[in-house]
C-alpha atoms as a PDB file:
ATOM      1  CA  THR A   1       2.996   0.667  14.409  1.00  0.00           C
ATOM      2  CA  ILE A   2       3.299   2.960  11.422  1.00  0.00           C
ATOM      3  CA  GLN A   3       4.402   1.202   8.252  1.00  0.00           C
ATOM      4  CA  ARG A   4       5.395   3.496   5.413  1.00  0.00           C
ATOM      5  CA  SER A   5       4.766   2.182   1.930  1.00  0.00           C
ATOM      6  CA  PRO A   6       5.884   4.221  -1.069  1.00  0.00           C
ATOM      7  CA  TYR A   7       3.781   4.394  -4.199  1.00  0.00           C
ATOM      8  CA  PRO A   8       4.382   1.192  -6.197  1.00  0.00           C
ATOM      9  CA  LYS A   9       6.482   1.439  -9.330  1.00  0.00           C
ATOM     10  CA  ALA A  10       4.986   0.471 -12.684  1.00  0.00           C
ATOM     11  CA  GLY A  11       4.574  -3.273 -12.919  1.00  0.00           C
ATOM     12  CA  THR A  12       4.742  -3.884  -9.165  1.00  0.00           C
ATOM     13  CA  ARG A  13       1.856  -4.768  -6.879  1.00  0.00           C
ATOM     14  CA  ASN A  14       0.004  -2.143  -4.880  1.00  0.00           C
ATOM     15  CA  ALA A  15      -0.053  -2.428  -1.124  1.00  0.00           C
ATOM     16  CA  ALA A  16      -3.297  -3.911   0.177  1.00  0.00           C
ATOM     17  CA  VAL A  17      -5.301  -1.324   2.125  1.00  0.00           C
ATOM     18  CA  LYS A  18      -8.123  -1.613   4.613  1.00  0.00           C
ATOM     19  CA  VAL A  19      -9.783   0.575   7.208  1.00  0.00           C
ATOM     20  CA  GLY A  20     -10.363  -0.388  10.805  1.00  0.00           C
ATOM     21  CA  THR A  21     -11.268   1.228  14.095  1.00  0.00           C
ATOM     22  CA  VAL A  22     -10.027   0.486  17.579  1.00  0.00           C
ATOM     23  CA  SER A  23     -10.882   2.035  20.914  1.00  0.00           C
ATOM     24  CA  VAL A  24      -8.376   4.516  22.352  1.00  0.00           C
ATOM     25  CA  ASP A  25      -8.367   2.217  25.385  1.00  0.00           C
ATOM     26  CA  GLY A  26      -7.191  -0.672  23.209  1.00  0.00           C
ATOM     27  CA  GLY A  27      -8.942  -3.868  22.292  1.00  0.00           C
ATOM     28  CA  PRO A  28      -9.712  -5.605  19.043  1.00  0.00           C
ATOM     29  CA  THR A  29      -9.735  -3.820  15.681  1.00  0.00           C
ATOM     30  CA  THR A  30     -13.053  -3.734  13.858  1.00  0.00           C
ATOM     31  CA  TRP A  31     -12.259  -3.939  10.149  1.00  0.00           C
ATOM     32  CA  ILE A  32     -14.688  -2.119   7.891  1.00  0.00           C
ATOM     33  CA  THR A  33     -15.894  -4.097   4.895  1.00  0.00           C
ATOM     34  CA  LEU A  34     -15.298  -2.197   1.655  1.00  0.00           C
ATOM     35  CA  PRO A  35     -15.896  -3.986  -1.641  1.00  0.00           C
ATOM     36  CA  GLY A  36     -13.285  -4.603  -4.281  1.00  0.00           C
ATOM     37  CA  ASP A  37      -9.749  -5.929  -4.346  1.00  0.00           C
ATOM     38  CA  ALA A  38      -7.725  -4.276  -1.577  1.00  0.00           C
ATOM     39  CA  ARG A  39      -4.753  -4.013  -3.974  1.00  0.00           C
ATOM     40  CA  GLU A  40      -6.753  -2.412  -6.780  1.00  0.00           C
ATOM     41  CA  ASN A  41      -8.438   0.311  -4.710  1.00  0.00           C
ATOM     42  CA  TYR A  42      -6.980   3.233  -2.779  1.00  0.00           C
ATOM     43  CA  ILE A  43      -8.212   4.933   0.375  1.00  0.00           C
ATOM     44  CA  PRO A  44      -6.872   8.420  -0.376  1.00  0.00           C
ATOM     45  CA  ARG A  45      -8.839  10.225   2.348  1.00  0.00           C
ATOM     46  CA  MET A  46     -10.896   9.468   5.428  1.00  0.00           C
ATOM     47  CA  ASP A  47     -11.966  11.557   8.357  1.00  0.00           C
ATOM     48  CA  PHE A  48     -14.484  11.599  11.153  1.00  0.00           C
ATOM     49  CA  ILE A  49     -17.767  13.363  10.479  1.00  0.00           C
ATOM     50  CA  PRO A  50     -17.719  16.198  13.053  1.00  0.00           C
ATOM     51  CA  GLY A  51     -19.293  15.353  16.402  1.00  0.00           C
ATOM     52  CA  THR A  52     -20.150  11.772  15.407  1.00  0.00           C
ATOM     53  CA  GLN A  53     -18.780   8.266  15.678  1.00  0.00           C
ATOM     54  CA  GLU A  54     -18.798   7.934  11.881  1.00  0.00           C
ATOM     55  CA  LEU A  55     -16.029   7.811   9.312  1.00  0.00           C
ATOM     56  CA  PHE A  56     -16.281   9.491   5.912  1.00  0.00           C
ATOM     57  CA  ILE A  57     -14.170   7.336   3.574  1.00  0.00           C
ATOM     58  CA  GLN A  58     -13.133   8.013  -0.022  1.00  0.00           C
ATOM     59  CA  GLN A  59     -12.244   4.894  -2.027  1.00  0.00           C
ATOM     60  CA  MET A  60     -10.778   5.211  -5.524  1.00  0.00           C
ATOM     61  CA  ASN A  61     -10.153   2.519  -8.084  1.00  0.00           C
ATOM     62  CA  ARG A  62      -6.645   2.037  -9.463  1.00  0.00           C
ATOM     63  CA  GLN A  63      -7.487   3.957 -12.659  1.00  0.00           C
ATOM     64  CA  GLN A  64      -8.549   6.853 -10.393  1.00  0.00           C
ATOM     65  CA  ASN A  65     -11.673   7.554 -12.435  1.00  0.00           C
ATOM     66  CA  THR A  66     -14.186   6.429  -9.790  1.00  0.00           C
ATOM     67  CA  ASN A  67     -14.387   7.785  -6.237  1.00  0.00           C
ATOM     68  CA  ARG A  68     -16.832   5.985  -3.961  1.00  0.00           C
ATOM     69  CA  VAL A  69     -17.811   7.741  -0.742  1.00  0.00           C
ATOM     70  CA  TRP A  70     -18.683   5.590   2.257  1.00  0.00           C
ATOM     71  CA  ILE A  71     -19.939   6.259   5.757  1.00  0.00           C
ATOM     72  CA  ALA A  72     -19.040   3.701   8.410  1.00  0.00           C
ATOM     73  CA  ARG A  73     -19.986   3.749  12.080  1.00  0.00           C
ATOM     74  CA  VAL A  74     -17.157   3.154  14.557  1.00  0.00           C
ATOM     75  CA  GLY A  75     -17.252  -0.413  15.861  1.00  0.00           C
ATOM     76  CA  GLU A  76     -19.324  -1.717  12.931  1.00  0.00           C
ATOM     77  CA  ARG A  77     -18.077  -3.629   9.905  1.00  0.00           C
ATOM     78  CA  LYS A  78     -20.685  -2.415   7.440  1.00  0.00           C
ATOM     79  CA  ALA A  79     -20.139   0.759   5.391  1.00  0.00           C
ATOM     80  CA  GLU A  80     -22.800   2.526   3.345  1.00  0.00           C
ATOM     81  CA  ASN A  81     -21.963   3.883  -0.117  1.00  0.00           C
ATOM     82  CA  ILE A  82     -23.667   7.285  -0.118  1.00  0.00           C
ATOM     83  CA  PHE A  83     -22.189   8.791  -3.274  1.00  0.00           C
ATOM     84  CA  THR A  84     -20.052   7.859  -6.278  1.00  0.00           C
ATOM     85  CA  ASP A  85     -18.252  10.341  -8.526  1.00  0.00           C
ATOM     86  CA  THR A  86     -16.978   9.152 -11.910  1.00  0.00           C
ATOM     87  CA  ASP A  87     -15.122  10.601 -14.873  1.00  0.00           C
ATOM     88  CA  ALA A  88     -14.102   8.990 -18.159  1.00  0.00           C
ATOM     89  CA  ALA A  89     -10.514  10.164 -17.670  1.00  0.00           C
ATOM     90  CA  TRP A  90      -9.411  10.933 -14.108  1.00  0.00           C
ATOM     91  CA  LEU A  91     -10.626  12.306 -10.762  1.00  0.00           C
ATOM     92  CA  GLU A  92      -8.852  14.198  -8.033  1.00  0.00           C
ATOM     93  CA  THR A  93      -9.396  13.332  -4.390  1.00  0.00           C
ATOM     94  CA  ASN A  94     -11.393  15.790  -2.328  1.00  0.00           C
ATOM     95  CA  ASP A  95      -9.295  17.362   0.394  1.00  0.00           C
ATOM     96  CA  GLN A  96     -11.700  20.157   1.330  1.00  0.00           C
ATOM     97  CA  VAL A  97     -14.868  18.382   2.435  1.00  0.00           C
ATOM     98  CA  THR A  98     -16.868  20.512   4.858  1.00  0.00           C
ATOM     99  CA  TRP A  99     -19.982  19.361   6.675  1.00  0.00           C
ATOM    100  CA  LEU A 100     -22.921  21.790   6.743  1.00  0.00           C
ATOM    101  CA  LYS A 101     -26.273  22.184   8.534  1.00  0.00           C
ATOM    102  CA  GLY A 102     -25.732  19.674  11.330  1.00  0.00           C
ATOM    103  CA  ASN A 103     -23.946  17.188   9.056  1.00  0.00           C
ATOM    104  CA  GLN A 104     -26.897  16.942   6.682  1.00  0.00           C
ATOM    105  CA  TRP A 105     -24.830  18.209   3.717  1.00  0.00           C
ATOM    106  CA  PHE A 106     -21.170  18.108   2.697  1.00  0.00           C
ATOM    107  CA  THR A 107     -19.176  20.035   0.112  1.00  0.00           C
ATOM    108  CA  TRP A 108     -17.520  18.334  -2.842  1.00  0.00           C
ATOM    109  CA  GLN A 109     -15.404  19.499  -5.783  1.00  0.00           C
ATOM    110  CA  SER A 110     -16.053  17.871  -9.138  1.00  0.00           C
ATOM    111  CA  GLU A 111     -15.625  18.407 -12.877  1.00  0.00           C
ATOM    112  CA  ARG A 112     -18.833  16.556 -13.677  1.00  0.00           C
ATOM    113  CA  ASP A 113     -20.197  19.415 -15.849  1.00  0.00           C
ATOM    114  CA  GLY A 114     -16.872  19.901 -17.663  1.00  0.00           C
ATOM    115  CA  TRP A 115     -15.674  22.611 -15.263  1.00  0.00           C
ATOM    116  CA  ARG A 116     -14.271  22.260 -11.735  1.00  0.00           C
ATOM    117  CA  HIS A 117     -16.978  23.465  -9.362  1.00  0.00           C
ATOM    118  CA  ILE A 118     -17.993  23.166  -5.732  1.00  0.00           C
ATOM    119  CA  TYR A 119     -21.163  21.221  -4.970  1.00  0.00           C
ATOM    120  CA  ARG A 120     -23.309  20.601  -1.927  1.00  0.00           C
ATOM    121  CA  ILE A 121     -24.317  16.961  -1.498  1.00  0.00           C
ATOM    122  CA  SER A 122     -26.955  15.650   0.884  1.00  0.00           C
ATOM    123  CA  ARG A 123     -25.768  13.148   3.474  1.00  0.00           C
ATOM    124  CA  ASP A 124     -27.683  10.351   1.730  1.00  0.00           C
ATOM    125  CA  GLY A 125     -26.121  11.317  -1.629  1.00  0.00           C
ATOM    126  CA  ARG A 126     -29.479  11.799  -3.320  1.00  0.00           C
ATOM    127  CA  GLN A 127     -29.162  15.544  -3.886  1.00  0.00           C
ATOM    128  CA  MET A 128     -26.203  17.258  -5.538  1.00  0.00           C
ATOM    129  CA  VAL A 129     -26.567  21.028  -5.873  1.00  0.00           C
ATOM    130  CA  PRO A 130     -23.990  23.357  -7.457  1.00  0.00           C
ATOM    131  CA  ILE A 131     -22.592  25.988  -5.100  1.00  0.00           C
ATOM    132  CA  THR A 132     -20.615  27.500  -7.983  1.00  0.00           C
ATOM    133  CA  ARG A 133     -21.549  27.359 -11.641  1.00  0.00           C
ATOM    134  CA  GLY A 134     -20.414  28.825 -14.935  1.00  0.00           C
ATOM    135  CA  ASP A 135     -17.948  28.339 -17.767  1.00  0.00           C
ATOM    136  CA  PHE A 136     -14.860  28.497 -15.543  1.00  0.00           C
ATOM    137  CA  ASP A 137     -12.885  26.339 -13.144  1.00  0.00           C
ATOM    138  CA  VAL A 138     -12.719  26.937  -9.431  1.00  0.00           C
ATOM    139  CA  VAL A 139      -8.936  27.216  -9.243  1.00  0.00           C
ATOM    140  CA  ASP A 140      -8.679  27.131  -5.465  1.00  0.00           C
ATOM    141  CA  GLU A 141     -11.145  26.952  -2.599  1.00  0.00           C
ATOM    142  CA  LEU A 142      -9.751  29.329   0.011  1.00  0.00           C
ATOM    143  CA  GLY A 143     -12.138  28.867   2.912  1.00  0.00           C
ATOM    144  CA  MET A 144     -15.633  29.308   4.258  1.00  0.00           C
ATOM    145  CA  ASP A 145     -17.456  31.690   6.541  1.00  0.00           C
ATOM    146  CA  LEU A 146     -20.079  29.366   7.970  1.00  0.00           C
ATOM    147  CA  LYS A 147     -21.776  32.171   9.923  1.00  0.00           C
ATOM    148  CA  ARG A 148     -22.346  34.117   6.691  1.00  0.00           C
ATOM    149  CA  GLY A 149     -22.926  30.897   4.734  1.00  0.00           C
ATOM    150  CA  VAL A 150     -20.374  31.581   1.995  1.00  0.00           C
ATOM    151  CA  VAL A 151     -17.361  29.933   0.398  1.00  0.00           C
ATOM    152  CA  TYR A 152     -14.418  31.962  -0.926  1.00  0.00           C
ATOM    153  CA  PHE A 153     -12.651  30.779  -4.063  1.00  0.00           C
ATOM    154  CA  ILE A 154     -10.286  31.846  -6.826  1.00  0.00           C
ATOM    155  CA  ALA A 155     -11.398  31.671 -10.468  1.00  0.00           C
ATOM    156  CA  SER A 156     -10.402  33.094 -13.863  1.00  0.00           C
ATOM    157  CA  PRO A 157     -13.643  33.205 -15.844  1.00  0.00           C
ATOM    158  CA  ASP A 158     -12.701  35.778 -18.485  1.00  0.00           C
ATOM    159  CA  ASN A 159      -8.903  35.813 -18.699  1.00  0.00           C
ATOM    160  CA  TYR A 160      -6.792  32.834 -17.714  1.00  0.00           C
ATOM    161  CA  THR A 161      -3.821  35.113 -16.958  1.00  0.00           C
ATOM    162  CA  GLN A 162      -5.760  36.854 -14.199  1.00  0.00           C
ATOM    163  CA  ARG A 163      -7.161  35.415 -10.993  1.00  0.00           C
ATOM    164  CA  TYR A 164     -10.026  36.846  -8.998  1.00  0.00           C
ATOM    165  CA  LEU A 165     -11.439  36.272  -5.534  1.00  0.00           C
ATOM    166  CA  TYR A 166     -15.125  35.320  -5.440  1.00  0.00           C
ATOM    167  CA  GLU A 167     -17.661  34.246  -2.882  1.00  0.00           C
ATOM    168  CA  ALA A 168     -20.736  32.088  -3.388  1.00  0.00           C
ATOM    169  CA  LYS A 169     -23.544  31.226  -1.015  1.00  0.00           C
ATOM    170  CA  LEU A 170     -23.412  27.667   0.296  1.00  0.00           C
ATOM    171  CA  PHE A 171     -27.200  27.460   0.020  1.00  0.00           C
ATOM    172  CA  GLY A 172     -27.665  29.819  -2.931  1.00  0.00           C
ATOM    173  CA  LYS A 173     -28.226  29.370  -6.655  1.00  0.00           C
ATOM    174  CA  GLY A 174     -24.570  29.005  -7.661  1.00  0.00           C
ATOM    175  CA  GLU A 175     -24.099  32.670  -8.502  1.00  0.00           C
END
Protein backbone atom coordinates (compact mmCIF):
# COMPACT_ATOMS: atom_id res chain seq x y z
CA THR A 1 0.00 0.00 0.00
CA ILE A 2 1.34 3.41 -0.94
CA GLN A 3 0.67 6.08 1.67
CA ARG A 4 1.35 9.62 0.53
CA SER A 5 2.48 12.03 3.21
CA PRO A 6 3.00 15.69 2.34
CA TYR A 7 5.84 17.66 3.84
CA PRO A 8 4.82 18.69 7.38
CA LYS A 9 3.91 22.31 7.97
CA ALA A 10 5.90 24.37 10.46
CA GLY A 11 5.10 23.30 13.99
CA THR A 12 3.68 19.91 13.02
CA ARG A 13 5.33 16.54 13.50
CA ASN A 14 7.29 14.85 10.73
CA ALA A 15 6.17 11.47 9.52
CA ALA A 16 8.23 8.64 10.99
CA VAL A 17 10.33 6.93 8.31
CA LYS A 18 12.06 3.58 8.16
CA VAL A 19 13.53 1.33 5.51
CA GLY A 20 12.71 -2.33 5.07
CA THR A 21 13.11 -5.07 2.51
CA VAL A 22 10.75 -7.85 1.55
CA SER A 23 11.08 -10.63 -0.98
CA VAL A 24 9.23 -10.18 -4.28
CA ASP A 25 7.60 -13.51 -3.42
CA GLY A 26 6.21 -12.02 -0.21
CA GLY A 27 7.00 -12.84 3.37
CA PRO A 28 8.05 -10.82 6.37
CA THR A 29 9.62 -7.36 6.10
CA THR A 30 13.15 -7.03 7.41
CA TRP A 31 13.43 -3.54 8.90
CA ILE A 32 16.86 -1.97 8.65
CA THR A 33 18.15 -0.40 11.85
CA LEU A 34 19.17 3.22 11.30
CA PRO A 35 20.06 5.34 14.32
CA GLY A 36 18.26 8.47 15.39
CA ASP A 37 14.66 9.50 15.89
CA ALA A 38 12.60 8.35 12.91
CA ARG A 39 10.69 11.67 13.01
CA GLU A 40 13.82 13.82 13.09
CA ASN A 41 15.64 12.17 10.17
CA TYR A 42 14.74 11.92 6.50
CA ILE A 43 15.51 9.19 3.98
CA PRO A 44 15.66 11.40 0.88
CA ARG A 45 17.25 8.80 -1.42
CA MET A 46 17.97 5.09 -1.54
CA ASP A 47 18.78 2.74 -4.35
CA PHE A 48 20.26 -0.66 -4.98
CA ILE A 49 23.99 -0.82 -5.63
CA PRO A 50 24.14 -2.20 -9.20
CA GLY A 51 24.32 -5.99 -9.44
CA THR A 52 24.20 -6.51 -5.66
CA GLN A 53 21.73 -7.26 -2.91
CA GLU A 54 22.73 -4.05 -1.11
CA LEU A 55 20.93 -0.77 -0.54
CA PHE A 56 22.68 2.60 -0.66
CA ILE A 57 20.74 4.81 1.77
CA GLN A 58 21.06 8.55 2.37
CA GLN A 59 19.81 9.72 5.78
CA MET A 60 19.59 13.44 6.58
CA ASN A 61 18.88 15.11 9.87
CA ARG A 62 15.96 17.53 10.14
CA GLN A 63 18.26 20.57 9.85
CA GLN A 64 19.52 19.04 6.57
CA ASN A 65 23.15 19.82 7.38
CA THR A 66 24.28 16.21 7.86
CA ASN A 67 23.89 13.43 5.28
CA ARG A 68 24.85 9.96 6.49
CA VAL A 69 25.39 7.30 3.85
CA TRP A 70 24.61 3.70 4.77
CA ILE A 71 24.96 0.36 3.04
CA ALA A 72 22.55 -2.37 4.11
CA ARG A 73 22.36 -5.93 2.81
CA VAL A 74 18.91 -7.17 1.79
CA GLY A 75 17.45 -9.41 4.49
CA GLU A 76 19.72 -8.04 7.24
CA ARG A 77 18.84 -5.48 9.89
CA LYS A 78 22.29 -3.98 10.30
CA ALA A 79 23.43 -1.03 8.16
CA GLU A 80 26.99 0.25 7.92
CA ASN A 81 27.68 4.00 7.90
CA ILE A 82 30.33 4.35 5.19
CA PHE A 83 30.40 8.13 4.79
CA THR A 84 29.03 11.30 6.38
CA ASP A 85 28.87 14.70 4.67
CA THR A 86 28.30 17.79 6.82
CA ASP A 87 27.95 21.52 6.31
CA ALA A 88 27.44 24.31 8.85
CA ALA A 89 24.46 25.62 6.87
CA TRP A 90 22.70 23.16 4.56
CA LEU A 91 23.29 20.18 2.25
CA GLU A 92 21.54 19.04 -0.88
CA THR A 93 20.70 15.39 -1.43
CA ASN A 94 22.71 13.55 -4.04
CA ASP A 95 20.56 12.45 -6.95
CA GLN A 96 23.38 11.54 -9.34
CA VAL A 97 25.33 8.82 -7.54
CA THR A 98 27.14 6.56 -10.00
CA TRP A 99 29.04 3.43 -9.06
CA LEU A 100 32.47 2.96 -10.67
CA LYS A 101 35.10 0.22 -11.05
CA GLY A 102 32.99 -2.76 -10.01
CA ASN A 103 31.21 -0.82 -7.25
CA GLN A 104 34.47 0.04 -5.49
CA TRP A 105 33.87 3.80 -5.88
CA PHE A 106 30.84 6.08 -6.12
CA THR A 107 30.42 9.68 -7.23
CA TRP A 108 29.21 12.39 -4.88
CA GLN A 109 28.53 16.12 -5.19
CA SER A 110 29.54 18.32 -2.28
CA GLU A 111 30.40 21.91 -1.37
CA ARG A 112 32.91 20.82 1.25
CA ASP A 113 35.70 23.03 -0.18
CA GLY A 114 33.38 26.05 -0.57
CA TRP A 115 32.51 25.22 -4.19
CA ARG A 116 30.12 22.58 -5.55
CA HIS A 117 32.28 19.82 -7.02
CA ILE A 118 32.05 16.17 -7.98
CA TYR A 119 34.05 13.70 -5.89
CA ARG A 120 34.91 10.03 -6.10
CA ILE A 121 34.49 8.18 -2.80
CA SER A 122 35.75 4.69 -2.04
CA ARG A 123 33.12 2.15 -1.05
CA ASP A 124 34.42 2.10 2.53
CA GLY A 125 34.30 5.92 2.67
CA ARG A 126 37.96 6.25 3.59
CA GLN A 127 39.07 7.98 0.39
CA MET A 128 37.44 11.07 -1.10
CA VAL A 129 39.11 12.34 -4.27
CA PRO A 130 38.01 15.41 -6.25
CA ILE A 131 36.94 14.68 -9.82
CA THR A 132 36.48 18.41 -10.44
CA ARG A 133 38.32 21.20 -8.68
CA GLY A 134 38.73 24.95 -8.93
CA ASP A 135 37.16 28.23 -7.87
CA PHE A 136 33.80 27.53 -9.52
CA ASP A 137 30.62 25.55 -8.93
CA VAL A 138 29.61 22.55 -10.96
CA VAL A 139 26.24 23.93 -12.05
CA ASP A 140 24.90 20.71 -13.52
CA GLU A 141 26.24 17.20 -13.99
CA LEU A 142 25.02 16.16 -17.43
CA GLY A 143 26.19 12.57 -17.68
CA MET A 144 29.09 10.18 -17.90
CA ASP A 145 30.86 8.19 -20.57
CA LEU A 146 32.05 5.24 -18.52
CA LYS A 147 33.94 3.71 -21.46
CA ARG A 148 36.02 6.89 -21.81
CA GLY A 149 36.04 7.42 -18.04
CA VAL A 150 34.75 11.00 -18.08
CA VAL A 151 31.96 13.07 -16.59
CA TYR A 152 30.36 15.96 -18.48
CA PHE A 153 29.27 19.03 -16.54
CA ILE A 154 28.29 22.68 -16.88
CA ALA A 155 30.27 25.37 -15.07
CA SER A 156 30.82 29.15 -15.20
CA PRO A 157 34.34 29.66 -13.87
CA ASP A 158 35.09 33.09 -15.32
CA ASN A 159 31.75 34.76 -16.04
CA TYR A 160 28.58 33.83 -14.18
CA THR A 161 26.44 34.99 -17.12
CA GLN A 162 27.97 32.35 -19.38
CA ARG A 163 27.84 28.58 -19.07
CA TYR A 164 30.32 26.16 -20.56
CA LEU A 165 30.41 22.42 -21.13
CA TYR A 166 33.39 20.63 -19.57
CA GLU A 167 34.59 17.10 -19.10
CA ALA A 168 36.79 15.71 -16.34
CA LYS A 169 38.35 12.30 -15.94
CA LEU A 170 36.69 10.15 -13.29
CA PHE A 171 40.11 8.86 -12.23
CA GLY A 172 42.15 11.96 -13.09
CA LYS A 173 43.57 14.86 -11.10
CA GLY A 174 40.45 17.04 -11.12
CA GLU A 175 41.47 19.05 -14.17
